[in-house]
Amino acid sequence: MDILRLLSCFKNIEMTYKPTKRPLLKLLPVAALLMVSMAIFSGTSASDKKIRHLDEESKQCLKCHAQAMYMLTDSTTGDSVKMKMYTELRIDPVNFLSSTHGAFKCTDCHSSDYNTVPHPASVKFETDYTCLDCHGGDEQYASFHFETIDEEYAQSVHADSLGTDFNCWSCHNPHSYKLTGPNETVVNKVAIDNGMCLNCHGNAIKFENITTKEIPNLINRHDWLPNQALHFTKVRCIDCHAAQNDSLMVAHLIKPSKDAVKKCVECHSTNSILMASLYKHAVREKRNELGFYNGVITNEAYIIGANRNYYLNVASIAIFILTLLGIAVHTTIRITKSRRNASK
């Protein structure tokens, strides 16, 4: 159908385009459409290529779970009905294959009973894996400190108020989660991390599914925050709402809202908490390469009031004092000349 549409466009252009003495100009619109169509088809083929890398078992699962609608057939009567796939049960094959867990088969994490279609009711009671079920005690992942993460989460407001209704996968979707690397830009890191929070706190339906509380208006709740839009795009929710831990790259002890950071000086000072949270990795790397002052100043970790260089501070104060002295001297000279002229 897309090819037919493109051919139709080409035909319309040829019919409406007036003859010209410059035949090459006539071909420019056609060439442009050809380039666009090639880009579209190359992107589609890349996606198809990724999907073809799925194992046969997972392909069978995605025949339903990758679709908005699926066909359900009664094995006894042979009757079929078309049904809507719930949004939370839909999986994007491309996102899954490029995710951290994309190399796994479905039954590596789910019961083999899911191979029976329609699925037996018993599989609905299957408990979700936690990170420790696979990564706990594994030396290969020791640097991630999964045990510490689990301990922090157990003390967090989510575990305390939501209990078993909340787990690792409530924030980290196992079918699309990607590990944010140390080389990720701060802007992307903030967007990814805040997206996890807004997945519930910015979605009334999901919020109401796990709590009886009314979803808060985040804009009104943060109306005390100066330049609110800038803070939302440059700082992660957890930088103000979680207790920081030096052994973890990402804190998991989410505190009650009443304990959130609200003092400007906690970020906008030489001891900024952001240097030990959001910019932790960048600051460490740059300090090793360039030393403390240069390391902080020449990376993305710029925070008003936090990025200070002693020598620049002294120089700026000296310049300020000299400017005031210059104004005072100039004013004195002008007043003296004015009085002399007046006395003549």
Foldseek 3Di string as FASTA:
>chain_A
DVVVVLVVVVVVLVVPPDDDPDVVVSCVVVVVSVVVVVVVVVVVVVLVVLLVPADPQQVVVLQDQQDQKDWAADPPPRDIDIDGDDPVSHANLSLQCPAPNNVDGPCVFAPPQVSDPVRDPVSVPDAGDAPCVPPNPDPVCVLQVVVVLVVLQCQAPCCVPQPSLDGPCLQAPNRRHHDDDPPDDQLVVQVSQQVSVCVQLVDQVNVVVRDVDGRDDVCVVCVVPPPVVVCSRRDHPCLFQFDADQSHQAGNRGYPPVRGDDDPCCQQALNNSCCSHSCVSQQVVQCVVPNNLCSCVPDPNDDHNRRDDPVVVVVVVVVVVVVVVVVVVVVVVVVVVVVVVVVD
